Amino acid sequence: MMGEFKIKRIYENPSEDDGYRVLVDRLWPRGVFKKAANLDEWNKEVAPSPELRKWFNHKEERFKEFESKYREELKD
């Protein structure tokens, strides 16, 4: 049985009902202290590659293609 996943920004305060907290990002977020983040794990390897992140550049019109490319990266 697979558990429930919640997505939360690292800039939101941790709460007691968060459960196991994993940061999925290759770069540590600015202005966030590791102790304050209250993480159980920092998993850089499953985050999008630097090349893919730069290509996407938060452009909404690229999201569908980004999603497809990211899924391909995850297969590797």
PDB file of N, CA and C in Angstrom:
ATOM      1  N   MET A   1       0.841  -1.184   0.000  1.00  0.00           N
ATOM      2  CA  MET A   1       0.000   0.000   0.000  1.00  0.00           C
ATOM      3  C   MET A   1       0.881   1.240   0.000  1.00  0.00           C
ATOM      4  N   MET A   2       0.583   2.168  -0.881  1.00  0.00           N
ATOM      5  CA  MET A   2       1.363   3.387  -0.978  1.00  0.00           C
ATOM      6  C   MET A   2       0.752   4.459  -0.093  1.00  0.00           C
ATOM      7  N   GLY A   3       1.617   5.195   0.613  1.00  0.00           N
ATOM      8  CA  GLY A   3       1.146   6.243   1.501  1.00  0.00           C
ATOM      9  C   GLY A   3       0.742   7.494   0.753  1.00  0.00           C
ATOM     10  N   GLU A   4       0.242   8.429   1.500  1.00  0.00           N
ATOM     11  CA  GLU A   4      -0.202   9.700   0.938  1.00  0.00           C
ATOM     12  C   GLU A   4       0.995  10.640   0.814  1.00  0.00           C
ATOM     13  N   PHE A   5       1.032  11.387  -0.281  1.00  0.00           N
ATOM     14  CA  PHE A   5       2.071  12.383  -0.488  1.00  0.00           C
ATOM     15  C   PHE A   5       1.459  13.764  -0.401  1.00  0.00           C
ATOM     16  N   LYS A   6       2.194  14.668   0.207  1.00  0.00           N
ATOM     17  CA  LYS A   6       1.799  16.071   0.244  1.00  0.00           C
ATOM     18  C   LYS A   6       2.953  16.865  -0.332  1.00  0.00           C
ATOM     19  N   ILE A   7       2.633  17.881  -1.082  1.00  0.00           N
ATOM     20  CA  ILE A   7       3.656  18.765  -1.620  1.00  0.00           C
ATOM     21  C   ILE A   7       3.589  20.069  -0.845  1.00  0.00           C
ATOM     22  N   LYS A   8       4.761  20.485  -0.396  1.00  0.00           N
ATOM     23  CA  LYS A   8       4.830  21.688   0.415  1.00  0.00           C
ATOM     24  C   LYS A   8       6.104  22.437   0.052  1.00  0.00           C
ATOM     25  N   ARG A   9       6.027  23.735  -0.054  1.00  0.00           N
ATOM     26  CA  ARG A   9       7.220  24.531  -0.330  1.00  0.00           C
ATOM     27  C   ARG A   9       8.115  24.566   0.897  1.00  0.00           C
ATOM     28  N   ILE A  10       9.413  24.575   0.676  1.00  0.00           N
ATOM     29  CA  ILE A  10      10.376  24.608   1.775  1.00  0.00           C
ATOM     30  C   ILE A  10      10.237  25.881   2.608  1.00  0.00           C
ATOM     31  N   TYR A  11       9.683  26.937   2.018  1.00  0.00           N
ATOM     32  CA  TYR A  11       9.528  28.213   2.716  1.00  0.00           C
ATOM     33  C   TYR A  11       8.320  28.228   3.651  1.00  0.00           C
ATOM     34  N   GLU A  12       7.468  27.201   3.569  1.00  0.00           N
ATOM     35  CA  GLU A  12       6.354  27.080   4.508  1.00  0.00           C
ATOM     36  C   GLU A  12       6.882  26.469   5.805  1.00  0.00           C
ATOM     37  N   ASN A  13       6.321  26.882   6.912  1.00  0.00           N
ATOM     38  CA  ASN A  13       6.754  26.345   8.192  1.00  0.00           C
ATOM     39  C   ASN A  13       6.411  24.865   8.319  1.00  0.00           C
ATOM     40  N   PRO A  14       7.326  24.089   8.903  1.00  0.00           N
ATOM     41  CA  PRO A  14       7.004  22.687   9.169  1.00  0.00           C
ATOM     42  C   PRO A  14       5.846  22.588  10.158  1.00  0.00           C
ATOM     43  N   SER A  15       5.054  21.520  10.027  1.00  0.00           N
ATOM     44  CA  SER A  15       3.972  21.292  10.988  1.00  0.00           C
ATOM     45  C   SER A  15       4.007  19.842  11.442  1.00  0.00           C
ATOM     46  N   GLU A  16       3.339  19.571  12.548  1.00  0.00           N
ATOM     47  CA  GLU A  16       3.372  18.238  13.135  1.00  0.00           C
ATOM     48  C   GLU A  16       2.783  17.172  12.226  1.00  0.00           C
ATOM     49  N   ASP A  17       1.844  17.529  11.353  1.00  0.00           N
ATOM     50  CA  ASP A  17       1.205  16.529  10.492  1.00  0.00           C
ATOM     51  C   ASP A  17       1.915  16.369   9.140  1.00  0.00           C
ATOM     52  N   ASP A  18       3.122  16.923   8.991  1.00  0.00           N
ATOM     53  CA  ASP A  18       3.861  16.804   7.734  1.00  0.00           C
ATOM     54  C   ASP A  18       4.301  15.372   7.443  1.00  0.00           C
ATOM     55  N   GLY A  19       4.585  14.615   8.454  1.00  0.00           N
ATOM     56  CA  GLY A  19       5.116  13.269   8.231  1.00  0.00           C
ATOM     57  C   GLY A  19       6.592  13.339   7.856  1.00  0.00           C
ATOM     58  N   TYR A  20       7.052  12.367   7.074  1.00  0.00           N
ATOM     59  CA  TYR A  20       8.447  12.286   6.641  1.00  0.00           C
ATOM     60  C   TYR A  20       8.692  13.386   5.616  1.00  0.00           C
ATOM     61  N   ARG A  21       9.650  14.259   5.907  1.00  0.00           N
ATOM     62  CA  ARG A  21       9.890  15.435   5.059  1.00  0.00           C
ATOM     63  C   ARG A  21      11.123  15.245   4.182  1.00  0.00           C
ATOM     64  N   VAL A  22      10.921  15.370   2.859  1.00  0.00           N
ATOM     65  CA  VAL A  22      11.998  15.204   1.889  1.00  0.00           C
ATOM     66  C   VAL A  22      12.065  16.450   1.013  1.00  0.00           C
ATOM     67  N   LEU A  23      13.259  17.025   0.911  1.00  0.00           N
ATOM     68  CA  LEU A  23      13.476  18.121  -0.031  1.00  0.00           C
ATOM     69  C   LEU A  23      13.986  17.508  -1.325  1.00  0.00           C
ATOM     70  N   VAL A  24      13.296  17.788  -2.425  1.00  0.00           N
ATOM     71  CA  VAL A  24      13.716  17.313  -3.748  1.00  0.00           C
ATOM     72  C   VAL A  24      14.131  18.551  -4.536  1.00  0.00           C
ATOM     73  N   ASP A  25      15.414  18.832  -4.485  1.00  0.00           N
ATOM     74  CA  ASP A  25      15.982  19.977  -5.196  1.00  0.00           C
ATOM     75  C   ASP A  25      17.485  19.786  -5.226  1.00  0.00           C
ATOM     76  N   ARG A  26      18.121  20.186  -6.304  1.00  0.00           N
ATOM     77  CA  ARG A  26      19.580  20.051  -6.404  1.00  0.00           C
ATOM     78  C   ARG A  26      20.308  21.151  -5.652  1.00  0.00           C
ATOM     79  N   LEU A  27      19.644  22.285  -5.473  1.00  0.00           N
ATOM     80  CA  LEU A  27      20.256  23.428  -4.794  1.00  0.00           C
ATOM     81  C   LEU A  27      19.559  23.678  -3.468  1.00  0.00           C
ATOM     82  N   TRP A  28      20.342  24.004  -2.446  1.00  0.00           N
ATOM     83  CA  TRP A  28      19.731  24.346  -1.168  1.00  0.00           C
ATOM     84  C   TRP A  28      19.068  25.712  -1.311  1.00  0.00           C
ATOM     85  N   PRO A  29      17.825  25.856  -0.847  1.00  0.00           N
ATOM     86  CA  PRO A  29      17.094  27.120  -0.994  1.00  0.00           C
ATOM     87  C   PRO A  29      17.713  28.263  -0.180  1.00  0.00           C
ATOM     88  N   ARG A  30      17.749  29.417  -0.794  1.00  0.00           N
ATOM     89  CA  ARG A  30      18.312  30.596  -0.132  1.00  0.00           C
ATOM     90  C   ARG A  30      17.503  30.976   1.101  1.00  0.00           C
ATOM     91  N   GLY A  31      18.226  31.377   2.124  1.00  0.00           N
ATOM     92  CA  GLY A  31      17.590  31.902   3.325  1.00  0.00           C
ATOM     93  C   GLY A  31      16.950  30.865   4.221  1.00  0.00           C
ATOM     94  N   VAL A  32      17.150  29.576   3.926  1.00  0.00           N
ATOM     95  CA  VAL A  32      16.561  28.521   4.755  1.00  0.00           C
ATOM     96  C   VAL A  32      17.687  27.825   5.520  1.00  0.00           C
ATOM     97  N   PHE A  33      17.587  27.825   6.825  1.00  0.00           N
ATOM     98  CA  PHE A  33      18.569  27.136   7.651  1.00  0.00           C
ATOM     99  C   PHE A  33      18.202  25.662   7.737  1.00  0.00           C
ATOM    100  N   LYS A  34      19.195  24.805   7.620  1.00  0.00           N
ATOM    101  CA  LYS A  34      18.940  23.362   7.598  1.00  0.00           C
ATOM    102  C   LYS A  34      18.181  22.899   8.835  1.00  0.00           C
ATOM    103  N   LYS A  35      18.546  23.386   9.990  1.00  0.00           N
ATOM    104  CA  LYS A  35      17.865  22.962  11.215  1.00  0.00           C
ATOM    105  C   LYS A  35      16.397  23.407  11.209  1.00  0.00           C
ATOM    106  N   ALA A  36      16.140  24.607  10.734  1.00  0.00           N
ATOM    107  CA  ALA A  36      14.774  25.142  10.702  1.00  0.00           C
ATOM    108  C   ALA A  36      13.905  24.416   9.682  1.00  0.00           C
ATOM    109  N   ALA A  37      14.527  23.867   8.631  1.00  0.00           N
ATOM    110  CA  ALA A  37      13.762  23.160   7.603  1.00  0.00           C
ATOM    111  C   ALA A  37      13.169  21.868   8.141  1.00  0.00           C
ATOM    112  N   ASN A  38      13.771  21.317   9.180  1.00  0.00           N
ATOM    113  CA  ASN A  38      13.260  20.117   9.840  1.00  0.00           C
ATOM    114  C   ASN A  38      13.029  18.974   8.836  1.00  0.00           C
ATOM    115  N   LEU A  39      14.041  18.706   8.009  1.00  0.00           N
ATOM    116  CA  LEU A  39      13.931  17.663   6.980  1.00  0.00           C
ATOM    117  C   LEU A  39      14.414  16.322   7.494  1.00  0.00           C
ATOM    118  N   ASP A  40      13.843  15.271   6.949  1.00  0.00           N
ATOM    119  CA  ASP A  40      14.323  13.920   7.199  1.00  0.00           C
ATOM    120  C   ASP A  40      15.325  13.502   6.122  1.00  0.00           C
ATOM    121  N   GLU A  41      15.229  14.129   4.961  1.00  0.00           N
ATOM    122  CA  GLU A  41      16.075  13.729   3.833  1.00  0.00           C
ATOM    123  C   GLU A  41      16.146  14.870   2.823  1.00  0.00           C
ATOM    124  N   TRP A  42      17.314  14.990   2.192  1.00  0.00           N
ATOM    125  CA  TRP A  42      17.491  15.909   1.071  1.00  0.00           C
ATOM    126  C   TRP A  42      17.915  15.052  -0.104  1.00  0.00           C
ATOM    127  N   ASN A  43      17.013  14.853  -1.057  1.00  0.00           N
ATOM    128  CA  ASN A  43      17.273  13.956  -2.179  1.00  0.00           C
ATOM    129  C   ASN A  43      17.492  14.768  -3.452  1.00  0.00           C
ATOM    130  N   LYS A  44      18.748  15.014  -3.767  1.00  0.00           N
ATOM    131  CA  LYS A  44      19.108  15.809  -4.941  1.00  0.00           C
ATOM    132  C   LYS A  44      18.961  15.017  -6.234  1.00  0.00           C
ATOM    133  N   GLU A  45      19.153  13.708  -6.143  1.00  0.00           N
ATOM    134  CA  GLU A  45      19.233  12.866  -7.339  1.00  0.00           C
ATOM    135  C   GLU A  45      17.929  12.755  -8.120  1.00  0.00           C
ATOM    136  N   VAL A  46      16.794  12.954  -7.477  1.00  0.00           N
ATOM    137  CA  VAL A  46      15.519  12.830  -8.194  1.00  0.00           C
ATOM    138  C   VAL A  46      14.977  14.181  -8.671  1.00  0.00           C
ATOM    139  N   ALA A  47      15.722  15.242  -8.423  1.00  0.00           N
ATOM    140  CA  ALA A  47      15.326  16.566  -8.906  1.00  0.00           C
ATOM    141  C   ALA A  47      15.666  16.689 -10.391  1.00  0.00           C
ATOM    142  N   PRO A  48      14.992  17.568 -11.108  1.00  0.00           N
ATOM    143  CA  PRO A  48      15.330  17.778 -12.519  1.00  0.00           C
ATOM    144  C   PRO A  48      16.790  18.192 -12.679  1.00  0.00           C
ATOM    145  N   SER A  49      17.395  17.791 -13.780  1.00  0.00           N
ATOM    146  CA  SER A  49      18.792  18.136 -14.049  1.00  0.00           C
ATOM    147  C   SER A  49      18.951  19.652 -14.180  1.00  0.00           C
ATOM    148  N   PRO A  50      20.151  20.157 -13.938  1.00  0.00           N
ATOM    149  CA  PRO A  50      20.377  21.595 -14.110  1.00  0.00           C
ATOM    150  C   PRO A  50      20.033  22.068 -15.528  1.00  0.00           C
ATOM    151  N   GLU A  51      20.347  21.261 -16.525  1.00  0.00           N
ATOM    152  CA  GLU A  51      20.044  21.634 -17.905  1.00  0.00           C
ATOM    153  C   GLU A  51      18.537  21.762 -18.130  1.00  0.00           C
ATOM    154  N   LEU A  52      17.777  20.813 -17.592  1.00  0.00           N
ATOM    155  CA  LEU A  52      16.324  20.845 -17.759  1.00  0.00           C
ATOM    156  C   LEU A  52      15.722  22.027 -17.004  1.00  0.00           C
ATOM    157  N   ARG A  53      16.208  22.279 -15.810  1.00  0.00           N
ATOM    158  CA  ARG A  53      15.706  23.432 -15.039  1.00  0.00           C
ATOM    159  C   ARG A  53      15.961  24.732 -15.784  1.00  0.00           C
ATOM    160  N   LYS A  54      17.169  24.875 -16.338  1.00  0.00           N
ATOM    161  CA  LYS A  54      17.506  26.105 -17.066  1.00  0.00           C
ATOM    162  C   LYS A  54      16.638  26.244 -18.314  1.00  0.00           C
ATOM    163  N   TRP A  55      16.412  25.144 -19.018  1.00  0.00           N
ATOM    164  CA  TRP A  55      15.577  25.182 -20.213  1.00  0.00           C
ATOM    165  C   TRP A  55      14.144  25.586 -19.865  1.00  0.00           C
ATOM    166  N   PHE A  56      13.584  24.981 -18.824  1.00  0.00           N
ATOM    167  CA  PHE A  56      12.206  25.267 -18.417  1.00  0.00           C
ATOM    168  C   PHE A  56      12.049  26.738 -18.007  1.00  0.00           C
ATOM    169  N   ASN A  57      12.950  27.219 -17.145  1.00  0.00           N
ATOM    170  CA  ASN A  57      12.995  28.622 -16.751  1.00  0.00           C
ATOM    171  C   ASN A  57      11.641  29.161 -16.264  1.00  0.00           C
ATOM    172  N   HIS A  58      10.852  28.304 -15.643  1.00  0.00           N
ATOM    173  CA  HIS A  58       9.539  28.671 -15.084  1.00  0.00           C
ATOM    174  C   HIS A  58       8.584  29.256 -16.117  1.00  0.00           C
ATOM    175  N   LYS A  59       8.749  28.864 -17.375  1.00  0.00           N
ATOM    176  CA  LYS A  59       7.854  29.336 -18.436  1.00  0.00           C
ATOM    177  C   LYS A  59       6.682  28.362 -18.549  1.00  0.00           C
ATOM    178  N   GLU A  60       5.521  28.856 -18.194  1.00  0.00           N
ATOM    179  CA  GLU A  60       4.319  28.028 -18.128  1.00  0.00           C
ATOM    180  C   GLU A  60       4.045  27.281 -19.431  1.00  0.00           C
ATOM    181  N   GLU A  61       4.315  27.909 -20.560  1.00  0.00           N
ATOM    182  CA  GLU A  61       4.046  27.275 -21.853  1.00  0.00           C
ATOM    183  C   GLU A  61       4.957  26.068 -22.114  1.00  0.00           C
ATOM    184  N   ARG A  62       6.009  25.921 -21.351  1.00  0.00           N
ATOM    185  CA  ARG A  62       6.930  24.784 -21.512  1.00  0.00           C
ATOM    186  C   ARG A  62       6.628  23.635 -20.546  1.00  0.00           C
ATOM    187  N   PHE A  63       5.621  23.806 -19.682  1.00  0.00           N
ATOM    188  CA  PHE A  63       5.429  22.825 -18.614  1.00  0.00           C
ATOM    189  C   PHE A  63       5.148  21.412 -19.130  1.00  0.00           C
ATOM    190  N   LYS A  64       4.282  21.257 -20.097  1.00  0.00           N
ATOM    191  CA  LYS A  64       3.953  19.906 -20.597  1.00  0.00           C
ATOM    192  C   LYS A  64       5.207  19.199 -21.102  1.00  0.00           C
ATOM    193  N   GLU A  65       6.018  19.917 -21.881  1.00  0.00           N
ATOM    194  CA  GLU A  65       7.252  19.320 -22.396  1.00  0.00           C
ATOM    195  C   GLU A  65       8.247  19.070 -21.266  1.00  0.00           C
ATOM    196  N   PHE A  66       8.308  19.999 -20.303  1.00  0.00           N
ATOM    197  CA  PHE A  66       9.157  19.814 -19.127  1.00  0.00           C
ATOM    198  C   PHE A  66       8.776  18.531 -18.390  1.00  0.00           C
ATOM    199  N   GLU A  67       7.476  18.357 -18.174  1.00  0.00           N
ATOM    200  CA  GLU A  67       6.987  17.171 -17.475  1.00  0.00           C
ATOM    201  C   GLU A  67       7.419  15.902 -18.191  1.00  0.00           C
ATOM    202  N   SER A  68       7.278  15.867 -19.488  1.00  0.00           N
ATOM    203  CA  SER A  68       7.666  14.704 -20.282  1.00  0.00           C
ATOM    204  C   SER A  68       9.170  14.437 -20.180  1.00  0.00           C
ATOM    205  N   LYS A  69       9.965  15.487 -20.310  1.00  0.00           N
ATOM    206  CA  LYS A  69      11.421  15.340 -20.233  1.00  0.00           C
ATOM    207  C   LYS A  69      11.854  14.914 -18.831  1.00  0.00           C
ATOM    208  N   TYR A  70      11.216  15.452 -17.819  1.00  0.00           N
ATOM    209  CA  TYR A  70      11.547  15.107 -16.435  1.00  0.00           C
ATOM    210  C   TYR A  70      11.220  13.642 -16.161  1.00  0.00           C
ATOM    211  N   ARG A  71      10.097  13.156 -16.641  1.00  0.00           N
ATOM    212  CA  ARG A  71       9.743  11.745 -16.478  1.00  0.00           C
ATOM    213  C   ARG A  71      10.789  10.846 -17.119  1.00  0.00           C
ATOM    214  N   GLU A  72      11.313  11.254 -18.264  1.00  0.00           N
ATOM    215  CA  GLU A  72      12.375  10.492 -18.934  1.00  0.00           C
ATOM    216  C   GLU A  72      13.632  10.479 -18.079  1.00  0.00           C
ATOM    217  N   GLU A  73      13.966  11.604 -17.493  1.00  0.00           N
ATOM    218  CA  GLU A  73      15.131  11.656 -16.601  1.00  0.00           C
ATOM    219  C   GLU A  73      14.952  10.718 -15.408  1.00  0.00           C
ATOM    220  N   LEU A  74      13.756  10.680 -14.861  1.00  0.00           N
ATOM    221  CA  LEU A  74      13.503   9.823 -13.703  1.00  0.00           C
ATOM    222  C   LEU A  74      13.661   8.351 -14.016  1.00  0.00           C
ATOM    223  N   LYS A  75      13.426   7.969 -15.266  1.00  0.00           N
ATOM    224  CA  LYS A  75      13.582   6.567 -15.659  1.00  0.00           C
ATOM    225  C   LYS A  75      15.038   6.124 -15.547  1.00  0.00           C
ATOM    226  N   ASP A  76      15.941   7.068 -15.771  1.00  0.00           N
ATOM    227  CA  ASP A  76      17.372   6.772 -15.676  1.00  0.00           C
ATOM    228  C   ASP A  76      17.795   6.653 -14.242  1.00  0.00           C
TER     229      ASP A  76
END
